Amino acid sequence: MSDIYESAANSLGLFNSPCLTKVELRVACKGISDRDALSKPDPCVVIKMQSHGQWLEVDRTEVIRSCLNPTFSKVFTLDFYFEEVQRLRYELYDISSSHNGMREVDCLGAMECTLGQIISQRKFTKALLKQGNTVGKSSIMITAEELTGNNDYVELSFSARKLDDKDFFSKSDPFLEIYRVNDDNTQQLVHRTETVMNNLNPVWKTFKTSLNSLCSGDHERILKCTVWDWDSNGKHDFIGEFQATFKEMRSAMDGRQVQWECINPKYKVKKKNYKNSGIVILNQCKIIKMHSFLDYIMGGCQIQFTVAIDFTASNGDPRNSCSLHYIHPYQPNEYLKALVAVGEICQDYDSDKMFPAFGFGARIPPDFKVSHDFAVNFNEDNPECAGIQGVVEAYQNCLPKIQLYGPTNIAPIIQKVANFASEEMHTKEAMVSQYFILLILTDGVITDMADTREAIVHASHLPMSVIIVGVGSADFTDMEMLDGDDGILRSPKGEPVLRDIVQFVPFRNFKHASPAALAKSVLAEVPNQVVDYYNSKGIKPKCPSEYESSRTFGH
């Protein structure tokens, strides 16, 4: 195991470049201008990071309805690399209820800075620039906190009963806010629940927050909790408040409920027989130990790397030098470049160094029927090739024997690898074993989008990730949709992915960059996807690793 780790540790320093620390960022905006005299904006902030000259979306906040000065509940966790300039861009949008997409016209302003600037100031405030770079009246404040030592998360489930009724014609629409009281007596929003409509006995959704975020790791720290009655105009009515500590919350770990009286101080003074404005109940408190990617690799997790190559006719005749599949004696084509860049990293984490390689979209011998998941070495019983070099040779040997055809269907190959992953999951239910990475190299937009979405949603429950590299100069807009960064991918029936497992990158963005840059971009999310999968299943690494230090990868 250690030799795999050694070679992996040397591979481009990819998963273990000296990440100094993890930081949690929170966002608030002030003075958003009313574009529409009739209604207030529904703000949402998108955070982007610059990678090779391009802005890539990292994540986005929730949408807050009818609000000019939003404090967002969403926490962004980023790796901070001291030795890199990490450029960030915050874009403020007004998401009208009529559509969920983001049109250019909805952008209310943007701000650019570096992660280093935010960290050095802790609280970083800057004006939002409108289009044409004019300074508007609105500003954005980013608060940074270092995640130190304790990377544990806590899962909390709150409900309430007999809350005061604040609405004339219906019952209150309650939501709960939890604030951490800092050493300087300032308050930091930790979490805002969803609103439960028309209900004085709400049950809020279970949520997860880092222990660092909740109480800075101090179990006795005061947490101020407030219950509000939501109002569509943004002027929420105060129902009541209470103070708690994580020490009190911990009592709910063994199945007991913890309760607090929700008090409205004004009523307490005014009303003689006032008892409370309702009871808030913590039904469950669960501490989730966070393990890192290295913990799992050191604890026996093997990365199973599979390649799928697009052999559709749109690539051009391989004998023609304009073809994307043209084999030049001295210059590898884009397919080979992408395969080698990504494969060489993955092979470090795979002990047998045997890689299944499949092709799709070609007519194959002997009867020249179209296949969407044939073995590139034509050995259906054993599609594995020895090392990345073996995949390259099988690819070069198969090109003259097949007829490029179509259509571009990738669902069959995703399903094929999902079947391997599913078998693995069922035979080794509670063990860390194999995690599957499928690299799909394709030159165009896929034709079976509905089936592909269905296959990805199914695969999101399994130990696998899908990396798609777009080769050539086609319009890949539709492919971006598969990468869950722009909102949540759903199957045609509306089922959401359990976790974001797809990473899509157009090769042309890296044409003039090093292979390391391409590999870093497509594999950057894999460590977290591995950790998320095992953590969500409650699977721990086989042996505790010495690496539980600040150099961790799990979010």
Protein backbone atom coordinates (compact mmCIF):
# COMPACT_ATOMS: atom_id res chain seq x y z
CA MET A 1 0.00 0.00 0.00
CA SER A 2 2.77 2.41 0.94
CA ASP A 3 4.47 2.20 -2.49
CA ILE A 4 1.19 3.20 -4.15
CA TYR A 5 0.99 6.13 -1.80
CA GLU A 6 4.63 7.06 -2.45
CA SER A 7 4.18 7.13 -6.21
CA ALA A 8 0.89 8.97 -5.79
CA ALA A 9 2.49 11.53 -3.54
CA ASN A 10 4.92 12.34 -6.32
CA SER A 11 2.35 12.54 -9.10
CA LEU A 12 2.23 16.22 -9.96
CA GLY A 13 1.67 17.03 -6.29
CA LEU A 14 -1.97 17.05 -7.29
CA PHE A 15 -3.93 15.85 -4.31
CA ASN A 16 -1.37 16.91 -1.81
CA SER A 17 0.06 20.23 -2.87
CA PRO A 18 0.63 21.94 0.45
CA CYS A 19 -2.90 23.06 1.15
CA LEU A 20 -2.26 25.40 4.03
CA THR A 21 -5.74 25.27 5.44
CA LYS A 22 -9.45 25.17 4.75
CA VAL A 23 -11.52 28.31 5.12
CA GLU A 24 -15.23 28.87 5.50
CA LEU A 25 -16.60 31.94 3.74
CA ARG A 26 -19.94 33.62 4.44
CA VAL A 27 -21.62 36.30 2.37
CA ALA A 28 -23.86 39.28 3.12
CA CYS A 29 -24.96 42.18 0.87
CA LYS A 30 -26.13 45.68 1.72
CA GLY A 31 -28.15 48.29 -0.15
CA ILE A 32 -29.23 46.24 -3.16
CA SER A 33 -31.04 48.63 -5.47
CA ASP A 34 -34.68 48.04 -6.40
CA ARG A 35 -34.80 47.52 -10.14
CA ASP A 36 -38.49 46.88 -9.96
CA ALA A 37 -40.58 49.49 -8.13
CA LEU A 38 -43.31 46.92 -7.44
CA SER A 39 -41.25 44.23 -5.72
CA LYS A 40 -37.97 43.83 -3.90
CA PRO A 41 -35.23 41.66 -5.45
CA ASP A 42 -34.80 37.95 -4.63
CA PRO A 43 -31.01 37.89 -4.26
CA CYS A 44 -28.59 35.01 -4.75
CA VAL A 45 -24.77 35.20 -4.91
CA VAL A 46 -22.65 32.99 -7.17
CA ILE A 47 -19.00 32.47 -6.25
CA LYS A 48 -16.53 31.77 -9.06
CA MET A 49 -12.84 30.93 -9.03
CA GLN A 50 -10.38 31.70 -11.80
CA SER A 51 -8.75 28.69 -13.41
CA HIS A 52 -6.49 29.12 -16.45
CA GLY A 53 -8.01 32.48 -17.31
CA GLN A 54 -11.61 31.24 -17.03
CA TRP A 55 -14.15 31.86 -14.30
CA LEU A 56 -15.60 28.56 -13.08
CA GLU A 57 -18.56 28.43 -10.71
CA VAL A 58 -17.67 26.98 -7.31
CA ASP A 59 -21.08 27.21 -5.68
CA ARG A 60 -23.96 29.56 -4.98
CA THR A 61 -25.98 30.76 -2.01
CA GLU A 62 -29.64 30.09 -1.40
CA VAL A 63 -32.16 32.61 -2.80
CA ILE A 64 -33.65 34.98 -0.19
CA ARG A 65 -37.03 36.37 -1.16
CA SER A 66 -37.80 40.13 -1.10
CA CYS A 67 -34.63 41.36 0.55
CA LEU A 68 -32.41 44.44 0.08
CA ASN A 69 -29.83 43.53 2.76
CA PRO A 70 -29.47 39.73 2.69
CA THR A 71 -27.28 37.70 5.07
CA PHE A 72 -26.95 34.31 3.41
CA SER A 73 -26.97 31.11 5.44
CA LYS A 74 -24.89 29.10 2.92
CA VAL A 75 -21.26 28.48 3.93
CA PHE A 76 -18.58 28.04 1.24
CA THR A 77 -15.62 25.82 2.17
CA LEU A 78 -12.47 26.46 0.12
CA ASP A 79 -8.91 25.18 0.22
CA PHE A 80 -6.47 28.03 0.77
CA TYR A 81 -3.06 27.63 -0.89
CA PHE A 82 -0.60 30.12 0.46
CA GLU A 83 1.63 29.82 -2.59
CA GLU A 84 -1.13 30.44 -5.17
CA VAL A 85 -3.04 33.58 -6.05
CA GLN A 86 -6.63 32.34 -5.89
CA ARG A 87 -8.84 34.84 -7.68
CA LEU A 88 -12.50 34.91 -6.69
CA ARG A 89 -15.47 36.61 -8.29
CA TYR A 90 -18.80 37.17 -6.54
CA GLU A 91 -21.82 37.82 -8.75
CA LEU A 92 -25.10 39.05 -7.28
CA TYR A 93 -28.25 37.99 -9.12
CA ASP A 94 -31.93 38.73 -8.76
CA ILE A 95 -33.64 35.38 -9.28
CA SER A 96 -37.21 36.15 -10.24
CA SER A 97 -39.63 33.36 -9.37
CA SER A 98 -40.57 32.83 -13.01
CA HIS A 99 -37.37 30.96 -13.91
CA ASN A 100 -34.41 29.36 -12.20
CA GLY A 101 -31.80 30.07 -14.81
CA MET A 102 -29.57 33.11 -14.60
CA ARG A 103 -29.91 35.58 -17.44
CA GLU A 104 -27.43 38.39 -17.98
CA VAL A 105 -30.12 40.97 -17.24
CA ASP A 106 -30.55 39.59 -13.74
CA CYS A 107 -27.00 40.39 -12.67
CA LEU A 108 -27.10 43.27 -10.14
CA GLY A 109 -23.36 43.60 -9.71
CA ALA A 110 -20.06 41.77 -9.24
CA MET A 111 -16.89 42.00 -7.18
CA GLU A 112 -13.46 40.46 -7.72
CA CYS A 113 -10.76 39.86 -5.11
CA THR A 114 -8.31 37.19 -4.01
CA LEU A 115 -8.83 34.63 -1.27
CA GLY A 116 -5.67 35.99 0.37
CA GLN A 117 -7.22 39.48 0.67
CA ILE A 118 -10.31 38.07 2.39
CA ILE A 119 -8.29 35.94 4.79
CA SER A 120 -5.93 38.74 5.77
CA GLN A 121 -8.85 41.06 6.59
CA ARG A 122 -11.22 38.42 8.06
CA LYS A 123 -14.13 40.73 7.17
CA PHE A 124 -13.76 42.01 3.63
CA THR A 125 -16.24 44.62 2.32
CA LYS A 126 -16.23 46.02 -1.20
CA ALA A 127 -18.66 47.84 -3.49
CA LEU A 128 -20.40 45.77 -6.15
CA LEU A 129 -19.64 46.98 -9.64
CA LYS A 130 -22.45 47.16 -12.15
CA GLN A 131 -22.03 46.40 -15.83
CA GLY A 132 -19.64 48.89 -17.34
CA ASN A 133 -17.72 48.82 -14.02
CA THR A 134 -19.62 51.70 -12.43
CA VAL A 135 -19.83 51.73 -8.66
CA GLY A 136 -23.37 51.16 -7.41
CA LYS A 137 -24.79 51.78 -3.95
CA SER A 138 -24.69 48.11 -3.02
CA SER A 139 -21.80 46.39 -1.27
CA ILE A 140 -20.83 42.84 -0.40
CA MET A 141 -19.20 41.60 2.79
CA ILE A 142 -17.28 38.32 2.95
CA THR A 143 -16.36 36.88 6.35
CA ALA A 144 -13.58 34.29 6.50
CA GLU A 145 -12.92 31.71 9.18
CA GLU A 146 -10.14 29.18 9.26
CA LEU A 147 -11.17 25.58 9.84
CA THR A 148 -8.76 24.51 12.51
CA GLY A 149 -8.00 21.04 13.77
CA ASN A 150 -11.55 19.82 14.32
CA ASN A 151 -13.14 18.90 11.01
CA ASP A 152 -16.15 17.16 12.57
CA TYR A 153 -19.63 17.96 11.39
CA VAL A 154 -22.82 17.91 13.38
CA GLU A 155 -26.28 16.99 12.10
CA LEU A 156 -29.23 18.61 13.85
CA SER A 157 -33.01 18.03 13.53
CA PHE A 158 -35.26 20.71 15.05
CA SER A 159 -39.04 20.96 15.41
CA ALA A 160 -41.37 23.17 17.47
CA ARG A 161 -44.80 23.02 18.99
CA LYS A 162 -47.51 25.51 19.95
CA LEU A 163 -45.78 28.53 18.42
CA ASP A 164 -47.59 31.90 18.63
CA ASP A 165 -49.89 32.62 15.73
CA LYS A 166 -48.89 35.83 13.98
CA ASP A 167 -51.15 35.70 10.92
CA PHE A 168 -54.79 36.83 10.81
CA PHE A 169 -56.14 34.56 8.12
CA SER A 170 -53.86 31.56 8.49
CA LYS A 171 -51.32 30.12 10.90
CA SER A 172 -47.71 31.37 11.25
CA ASP A 173 -45.06 30.34 8.67
CA PRO A 174 -42.12 29.67 11.00
CA PHE A 175 -38.40 29.43 10.30
CA LEU A 176 -35.52 29.15 12.79
CA GLU A 177 -32.21 31.04 12.77
CA ILE A 178 -29.18 29.99 14.83
CA TYR A 179 -26.45 32.54 15.57
CA ARG A 180 -23.10 31.93 17.23
CA VAL A 181 -22.15 34.60 19.77
CA ASN A 182 -18.47 35.46 19.22
CA ASP A 183 -15.92 36.47 21.88
CA ASP A 184 -16.41 40.16 20.97
CA ASN A 185 -20.20 39.73 21.37
CA THR A 186 -20.87 40.00 17.64
CA GLN A 187 -23.24 37.42 16.21
CA GLN A 188 -22.56 35.15 13.24
CA LEU A 189 -25.42 33.43 11.40
CA VAL A 190 -24.74 29.67 11.43
CA HIS A 191 -27.92 28.34 9.83
CA ARG A 192 -31.34 29.45 8.67
CA THR A 193 -33.90 26.67 8.23
CA GLU A 194 -36.45 26.55 5.46
CA THR A 195 -39.91 28.05 6.13
CA VAL A 196 -42.71 25.64 7.03
CA MET A 197 -45.91 27.23 5.79
CA ASN A 198 -49.09 27.58 7.84
CA ASN A 199 -47.99 25.42 10.77
CA LEU A 200 -47.61 26.15 14.50
CA ASN A 201 -45.94 22.74 15.06
CA PRO A 202 -43.27 22.76 12.35
CA VAL A 203 -40.74 19.99 11.71
CA TRP A 204 -37.69 21.49 9.99
CA LYS A 205 -35.36 19.55 7.71
CA THR A 206 -32.25 17.99 9.24
CA PHE A 207 -29.17 20.08 8.43
CA LYS A 208 -25.41 19.64 8.66
CA THR A 209 -22.89 22.23 9.84
CA SER A 210 -19.25 22.04 10.90
CA LEU A 211 -18.60 22.11 14.63
CA ASN A 212 -16.21 24.94 13.88
CA SER A 213 -18.99 26.94 12.30
CA LEU A 214 -21.53 26.18 15.03
CA CYS A 215 -19.50 27.01 18.12
CA SER A 216 -15.83 27.50 17.07
CA GLY A 217 -15.22 24.10 18.70
CA ASP A 218 -16.22 25.56 22.12
CA HIS A 219 -19.08 23.41 23.47
CA GLU A 220 -20.02 26.03 26.08
CA ARG A 221 -20.28 28.94 23.61
CA ILE A 222 -23.67 30.69 23.63
CA LEU A 223 -25.88 30.12 20.58
CA LYS A 224 -28.73 32.54 20.07
CA CYS A 225 -31.74 30.95 18.39
CA THR A 226 -34.64 32.96 16.99
CA VAL A 227 -37.96 31.82 15.54
CA TRP A 228 -39.62 34.07 12.93
CA ASP A 229 -42.92 34.11 11.10
CA TRP A 230 -42.00 34.45 7.42
CA ASP A 231 -43.62 37.22 5.40
CA SER A 232 -43.49 37.44 1.61
CA ASN A 233 -42.59 41.15 1.76
CA GLY A 234 -39.42 40.36 3.70
CA LYS A 235 -40.69 41.95 6.96
CA HIS A 236 -40.73 38.82 9.11
CA ASP A 237 -42.54 38.85 12.46
CA PHE A 238 -40.59 37.93 15.59
CA ILE A 239 -42.09 34.92 17.42
CA GLY A 240 -39.50 34.31 20.14
CA GLU A 241 -35.93 33.40 21.04
CA PHE A 242 -33.85 31.24 23.34
CA GLN A 243 -30.20 30.61 24.15
CA ALA A 244 -28.51 27.23 23.88
CA THR A 245 -25.05 25.67 23.91
CA PHE A 246 -23.70 22.73 21.97
CA LYS A 247 -23.16 21.02 25.34
CA GLU A 248 -26.95 21.08 25.85
CA MET A 249 -27.55 19.93 22.27
CA ARG A 250 -25.26 16.93 22.75
CA SER A 251 -27.84 15.46 25.14
CA ALA A 252 -29.95 14.65 22.06
CA MET A 253 -27.29 12.20 20.88
CA ASP A 254 -28.71 9.18 22.67
CA GLY A 255 -32.23 9.49 21.29
CA ARG A 256 -33.48 11.92 23.99
CA GLN A 257 -35.15 15.16 23.02
CA VAL A 258 -33.82 18.50 24.25
CA GLN A 259 -36.34 21.33 24.63
CA TRP A 260 -36.15 25.09 25.04
CA GLU A 261 -38.91 27.58 25.77
CA CYS A 262 -39.22 30.15 23.04
CA ILE A 263 -39.59 33.56 24.74
CA ASN A 264 -40.76 36.93 23.42
CA PRO A 265 -39.19 39.43 25.92
CA LYS A 266 -41.85 42.11 25.19
CA TYR A 267 -44.69 39.73 26.02
CA LYS A 268 -42.86 38.62 29.16
CA VAL A 269 -42.85 42.20 30.44
CA LYS A 270 -46.37 43.12 29.28
CA LYS A 271 -48.42 39.97 29.86
CA LYS A 272 -49.08 38.84 33.39
CA ASN A 273 -49.66 35.12 32.78
CA TYR A 274 -47.20 34.81 29.90
CA LYS A 275 -45.43 31.43 29.85
CA ASN A 276 -43.79 31.22 26.44
CA SER A 277 -44.38 31.62 22.70
CA GLY A 278 -43.91 27.92 22.03
CA ILE A 279 -41.40 25.13 22.62
CA VAL A 280 -38.46 24.37 20.28
CA ILE A 281 -37.29 20.75 20.30
CA LEU A 282 -34.01 19.22 19.16
CA ASN A 283 -34.94 15.67 18.13
CA GLN A 284 -31.54 14.47 17.06
CA CYS A 285 -27.90 15.52 17.31
CA LYS A 286 -25.34 13.43 15.47
CA ILE A 287 -21.59 14.06 15.33
CA ILE A 288 -20.11 13.02 11.99
CA LYS A 289 -16.39 12.29 12.01
CA MET A 290 -14.83 13.65 8.83
CA HIS A 291 -12.14 11.55 7.21
CA SER A 292 -9.88 12.76 4.44
CA PHE A 293 -9.13 11.40 0.98
CA LEU A 294 -5.69 10.28 2.16
CA ASP A 295 -7.27 8.45 5.11
CA TYR A 296 -9.29 6.37 2.64
CA ILE A 297 -6.39 5.79 0.22
CA MET A 298 -4.14 4.74 3.12
CA GLY A 299 -7.01 2.63 4.46
CA GLY A 300 -7.16 0.45 1.37
CA CYS A 301 -9.38 2.33 -1.10
CA GLN A 302 -8.42 1.44 -4.68
CA ILE A 303 -9.26 3.75 -7.57
CA GLN A 304 -10.58 1.70 -10.52
CA PHE A 305 -9.98 3.75 -13.64
CA THR A 306 -12.01 3.05 -16.82
CA VAL A 307 -11.71 4.87 -20.17
CA ALA A 308 -14.41 5.32 -22.82
CA ILE A 309 -13.50 6.76 -26.24
CA ASP A 310 -15.83 8.35 -28.78
CA PHE A 311 -15.55 6.64 -32.20
CA THR A 312 -18.40 8.48 -33.94
CA ALA A 313 -18.10 9.67 -37.55
CA SER A 314 -18.06 13.36 -36.54
CA ASN A 315 -14.42 12.86 -35.47
CA GLY A 316 -13.45 12.59 -39.15
CA ASP A 317 -11.76 9.73 -41.01
CA PRO A 318 -8.71 8.66 -38.90
CA ARG A 319 -6.64 8.42 -42.13
CA ASN A 320 -7.15 12.12 -42.74
CA SER A 321 -4.79 14.50 -40.92
CA CYS A 322 -7.77 16.77 -40.01
CA SER A 323 -9.39 13.95 -38.03
CA LEU A 324 -9.41 14.15 -34.25
CA HIS A 325 -8.37 10.46 -34.33
CA TYR A 326 -5.46 10.99 -36.74
CA ILE A 327 -2.36 9.18 -35.47
CA HIS A 328 0.58 11.47 -36.13
CA PRO A 329 3.98 9.78 -35.84
CA TYR A 330 5.37 12.49 -33.53
CA GLN A 331 2.42 14.44 -32.19
CA PRO A 332 -0.26 12.75 -30.01
CA ASN A 333 -3.84 13.78 -30.89
CA GLU A 334 -6.17 15.40 -28.34
CA TYR A 335 -7.68 12.05 -27.34
CA LEU A 336 -4.27 10.68 -26.45
CA LYS A 337 -3.18 13.86 -24.67
CA ALA A 338 -6.29 13.90 -22.47
CA LEU A 339 -6.08 10.14 -21.81
CA VAL A 340 -2.43 10.28 -20.73
CA ALA A 341 -2.79 13.45 -18.62
CA VAL A 342 -5.69 12.09 -16.55
CA GLY A 343 -4.72 8.40 -16.65
CA GLU A 344 -1.20 8.94 -15.34
CA ILE A 345 -2.55 10.49 -12.15
CA CYS A 346 -5.21 7.83 -11.61
CA GLN A 347 -2.85 4.92 -12.18
CA ASP A 348 -0.89 5.91 -9.08
CA TYR A 349 -3.91 5.00 -6.95
CA ASP A 350 -4.59 1.64 -8.62
CA SER A 351 -2.51 -1.32 -7.43
CA ASP A 352 -3.02 -3.68 -10.40
CA LYS A 353 -2.52 -0.92 -13.04
CA MET A 354 -5.02 -2.70 -15.31
CA PHE A 355 -7.51 -0.39 -17.02
CA PRO A 356 -10.68 -1.44 -18.87
CA ALA A 357 -11.00 0.61 -22.09
CA PHE A 358 -14.22 0.85 -24.09
CA GLY A 359 -15.31 2.53 -27.29
CA PHE A 360 -18.70 3.83 -28.38
CA GLY A 361 -20.41 4.96 -31.58
CA ALA A 362 -18.57 2.65 -34.05
CA ARG A 363 -19.43 -0.35 -36.20
CA ILE A 364 -17.19 -3.16 -35.04
CA PRO A 365 -15.99 -6.41 -36.58
CA PRO A 366 -16.87 -9.12 -37.41
CA ASP A 367 -20.48 -8.19 -38.32
CA PHE A 368 -20.04 -4.36 -38.18
CA LYS A 369 -23.01 -3.65 -35.94
CA VAL A 370 -22.98 -0.34 -34.06
CA SER A 371 -21.82 -0.71 -30.45
CA HIS A 372 -21.84 1.81 -27.59
CA ASP A 373 -19.71 -0.18 -25.17
CA PHE A 374 -17.23 -2.42 -26.98
CA ALA A 375 -13.84 -3.41 -25.59
CA VAL A 376 -11.11 -1.43 -27.39
CA ASN A 377 -8.90 -4.57 -27.30
CA PHE A 378 -11.88 -6.55 -28.78
CA ASN A 379 -11.73 -8.95 -25.82
CA GLU A 380 -15.20 -8.60 -24.29
CA ASP A 381 -14.37 -11.04 -21.47
CA ASN A 382 -11.32 -9.05 -20.44
CA PRO A 383 -11.36 -5.43 -21.65
CA GLU A 384 -8.44 -4.53 -19.36
CA CYS A 385 -5.23 -3.06 -20.76
CA ALA A 386 -1.87 -3.08 -18.97
CA GLY A 387 -1.20 0.47 -17.80
CA ILE A 388 -1.97 3.68 -19.64
CA GLN A 389 0.53 2.59 -22.30
CA GLY A 390 -1.61 -0.54 -22.86
CA VAL A 391 -4.71 1.64 -23.39
CA VAL A 392 -2.81 3.82 -25.89
CA GLU A 393 -1.67 0.74 -27.86
CA ALA A 394 -5.14 -0.85 -27.86
CA TYR A 395 -6.60 2.46 -29.10
CA GLN A 396 -4.07 2.74 -31.93
CA ASN A 397 -4.58 -0.92 -32.95
CA CYS A 398 -8.36 -0.72 -33.01
CA LEU A 399 -8.69 2.43 -35.18
CA PRO A 400 -7.98 0.74 -38.57
CA LYS A 401 -10.34 -2.17 -37.77
CA ILE A 402 -13.53 -0.25 -36.95
CA GLN A 403 -15.89 1.98 -38.90
CA LEU A 404 -16.63 5.33 -37.25
CA TYR A 405 -20.40 5.78 -37.09
CA GLY A 406 -22.90 7.12 -34.51
CA PRO A 407 -24.94 8.32 -32.70
CA THR A 408 -23.10 9.65 -29.61
CA ASN A 409 -24.71 7.64 -26.81
CA ILE A 410 -22.87 7.60 -23.48
CA ALA A 411 -25.60 6.20 -21.19
CA PRO A 412 -24.68 2.53 -21.99
CA ILE A 413 -21.07 2.99 -20.87
CA ILE A 414 -22.09 4.86 -17.69
CA GLN A 415 -24.50 2.00 -16.93
CA LYS A 416 -21.80 -0.59 -17.59
CA VAL A 417 -19.39 0.96 -15.06
CA ALA A 418 -22.31 1.56 -12.67
CA ASN A 419 -22.99 -2.19 -12.78
CA PHE A 420 -19.38 -2.89 -11.73
CA ALA A 421 -19.67 -0.30 -8.93
CA SER A 422 -23.03 -1.70 -7.84
CA GLU A 423 -21.60 -5.23 -7.57
CA GLU A 424 -18.70 -3.86 -5.56
CA MET A 425 -21.08 -1.99 -3.25
CA HIS A 426 -23.29 -5.00 -2.58
CA THR A 427 -20.50 -7.51 -2.01
CA LYS A 428 -18.55 -5.24 0.34
CA GLU A 429 -21.40 -3.33 1.96
CA ALA A 430 -19.58 -1.61 4.83
CA MET A 431 -15.99 -1.64 3.65
CA VAL A 432 -13.72 0.80 1.91
CA SER A 433 -12.72 -1.00 -1.25
CA GLN A 434 -12.96 0.14 -4.85
CA TYR A 435 -14.04 3.53 -6.14
CA PHE A 436 -14.67 3.80 -9.88
CA ILE A 437 -13.65 6.71 -12.09
CA LEU A 438 -14.97 6.71 -15.65
CA LEU A 439 -13.16 9.01 -18.08
CA ILE A 440 -15.26 9.70 -21.19
CA LEU A 441 -13.50 11.36 -24.13
CA THR A 442 -15.97 12.71 -26.70
CA ASP A 443 -15.97 15.15 -29.60
CA GLY A 444 -19.54 16.30 -29.49
CA VAL A 445 -22.86 16.80 -27.91
CA ILE A 446 -24.46 13.57 -26.82
CA THR A 447 -27.64 12.31 -28.45
CA ASP A 448 -29.08 10.35 -25.52
CA MET A 449 -29.27 13.21 -22.99
CA ALA A 450 -32.40 11.86 -21.20
CA ASP A 451 -30.90 8.37 -20.74
CA THR A 452 -27.58 9.88 -19.68
CA ARG A 453 -29.23 12.02 -17.01
CA GLU A 454 -31.07 8.93 -15.76
CA ALA A 455 -27.79 6.94 -15.67
CA ILE A 456 -25.95 9.70 -13.78
CA VAL A 457 -28.69 10.04 -11.15
CA HIS A 458 -28.54 6.26 -10.62
CA ALA A 459 -24.71 6.32 -10.48
CA SER A 460 -24.71 9.12 -7.88
CA HIS A 461 -25.73 6.47 -5.30
CA LEU A 462 -22.67 4.32 -6.14
CA PRO A 463 -18.92 4.56 -5.48
CA MET A 464 -18.16 6.24 -8.81
CA SER A 465 -17.37 9.55 -10.49
CA VAL A 466 -17.61 10.50 -14.17
CA ILE A 467 -15.14 12.80 -15.89
CA ILE A 468 -16.03 14.01 -19.39
CA VAL A 469 -13.41 15.71 -21.54
CA GLY A 470 -14.77 17.42 -24.65
CA VAL A 471 -12.29 17.07 -27.52
CA GLY A 472 -12.32 19.31 -30.62
CA SER A 473 -14.20 22.52 -31.26
CA ALA A 474 -17.90 21.55 -30.98
CA ASP A 475 -20.42 23.56 -28.97
CA PHE A 476 -20.46 21.82 -25.58
CA THR A 477 -23.14 23.98 -23.90
CA ASP A 478 -25.44 21.00 -23.29
CA MET A 479 -22.62 19.06 -21.65
CA GLU A 480 -22.18 21.77 -19.00
CA MET A 481 -25.67 20.84 -17.81
CA LEU A 482 -24.43 17.39 -16.72
CA ASP A 483 -21.87 19.02 -14.43
CA GLY A 484 -24.01 19.80 -11.39
CA ASP A 485 -22.15 23.08 -10.74
CA ASP A 486 -24.99 25.09 -12.31
CA GLY A 487 -27.76 23.91 -10.03
CA ILE A 488 -28.93 20.36 -9.47
CA LEU A 489 -28.98 17.78 -12.26
CA ARG A 490 -32.22 15.78 -12.35
CA SER A 491 -33.33 12.66 -14.17
CA PRO A 492 -36.13 13.12 -16.77
CA LYS A 493 -38.57 12.01 -14.03
CA GLY A 494 -37.32 14.82 -11.77
CA GLU A 495 -35.21 12.74 -9.34
CA PRO A 496 -32.19 14.81 -8.22
CA VAL A 497 -28.62 13.45 -8.12
CA LEU A 498 -27.65 12.33 -4.64
CA ARG A 499 -24.23 13.99 -5.05
CA ASP A 500 -22.49 15.84 -7.84
CA ILE A 501 -20.37 13.15 -9.58
CA VAL A 502 -19.78 14.64 -13.04
CA GLN A 503 -16.95 16.94 -14.02
CA PHE A 504 -16.96 18.30 -17.59
CA VAL A 505 -13.98 20.10 -19.16
CA PRO A 506 -13.45 21.17 -22.78
CA PHE A 507 -9.92 20.16 -23.82
CA ARG A 508 -9.55 23.37 -25.85
CA ASN A 509 -9.31 25.37 -22.59
CA PHE A 510 -6.05 23.51 -21.91
CA LYS A 511 -4.63 23.25 -25.42
CA HIS A 512 -1.66 25.42 -24.57
CA ALA A 513 -1.38 24.47 -20.89
CA SER A 514 0.61 21.62 -19.38
CA PRO A 515 -0.92 18.13 -19.03
CA ALA A 516 -0.70 18.73 -15.27
CA ALA A 517 -3.10 21.69 -15.59
CA LEU A 518 -5.71 19.56 -17.38
CA ALA A 519 -5.36 16.73 -14.87
CA LYS A 520 -5.59 19.13 -11.96
CA SER A 521 -8.77 20.66 -13.33
CA VAL A 522 -10.62 17.40 -14.06
CA LEU A 523 -9.46 15.56 -10.97
CA ALA A 524 -9.75 18.42 -8.47
CA GLU A 525 -13.21 17.34 -7.34
CA VAL A 526 -12.48 13.60 -7.10
CA PRO A 527 -10.98 13.54 -3.55
CA ASN A 528 -14.09 15.25 -2.18
CA GLN A 529 -16.39 12.98 -4.19
CA VAL A 530 -14.66 9.91 -2.73
CA VAL A 531 -14.88 11.32 0.81
CA ASP A 532 -18.54 12.39 0.36
CA TYR A 533 -19.50 8.92 -0.85
CA TYR A 534 -17.90 7.02 2.05
CA ASN A 535 -18.99 9.59 4.64
CA SER A 536 -22.60 9.49 3.40
CA LYS A 537 -22.55 5.71 3.83
CA GLY A 538 -20.97 6.03 7.28
CA ILE A 539 -17.98 3.97 6.07
CA LYS A 540 -14.74 4.66 7.95
CA PRO A 541 -11.20 4.08 6.64
CA LYS A 542 -9.79 0.70 7.62
CA CYS A 543 -6.98 2.05 9.75
CA PRO A 544 -6.65 5.44 11.43
CA SER A 545 -4.12 7.42 9.45
CA GLU A 546 -1.36 9.63 10.72
CA TYR A 547 -2.60 12.17 8.21
CA GLU A 548 -5.42 13.55 10.35
CA SER A 549 -3.76 16.90 10.46
CA SER A 550 -4.63 20.15 8.79
CA ARG A 551 -3.72 18.65 5.40
CA THR A 552 -7.13 17.14 4.75
CA PHE A 553 -9.28 17.03 1.67
CA GLY A 554 -12.77 16.16 2.90
CA HIS A 555 -15.35 18.91 3.10
